[in-house]
Amino acid sequence: MKMNDSNFSIRFPQLRRILQRCVLAGVLVILSLTHWLPTAWADVYNKEILLNADFSNRDLTDASFTKADLRGSNFSHSDLRGVSFFAANLEDVNLEGANLSVATLDSARFARANLTNANLEGAFAFNAEFRKAIIDGADFTDVDLRDDTMEMLCAIAQGTNPVTGRDTRDTLYCE
């Protein structure tokens, strides 16, 4: 019996789908190697354990670290705009000079974190914990914080953010 293309596709539909996927994967590899694809998609590190990881000086815009354990990690001078650190453990993390604008920081733990000169403008941090954090020169403009957290931060707030030019105490509405 002679087999034509239509019989082949009827008898071997799984093989046809596999071949289509292989061709698509090959095209994607070629496009990425020739730089026709975008070079960065948002990284996802949800629920990862990344103790003492070095993310310094990186563009991590829109990355997600939801519920990640990042104790002791270094994010200094990184672009973290739109990042999700929801419920992440950021104890002893270095965020010096990091841009955390419009980031999701709700329920994150910043105990003993270094936020010197960080920009948190527009971040959502309502249930974030900042116990013993260093916030010298940090910009908290339009950050959603609980009243008790704002009081605690006002007790230690000092300095001016070198990028935005805003006084830390003013951005926290300290008296």
Foldseek 3Di string as FASTA:
>chain_A
DDDDPVNVCVVCVVVVVVVVVVVVVVVVVVCVVVVVDDPDDAAEQDQAEAEQAEQDPEERDLHEHAQYEHENHEHDLYEHDQYECHLYEHENYEHHNYEDDQYEQANYEHAQYEDHLYEHANYEHARYHNHNYHNAQYAQANYHYDPVRLVVCLVRFAHHRPPVRHGNNVRSVHD
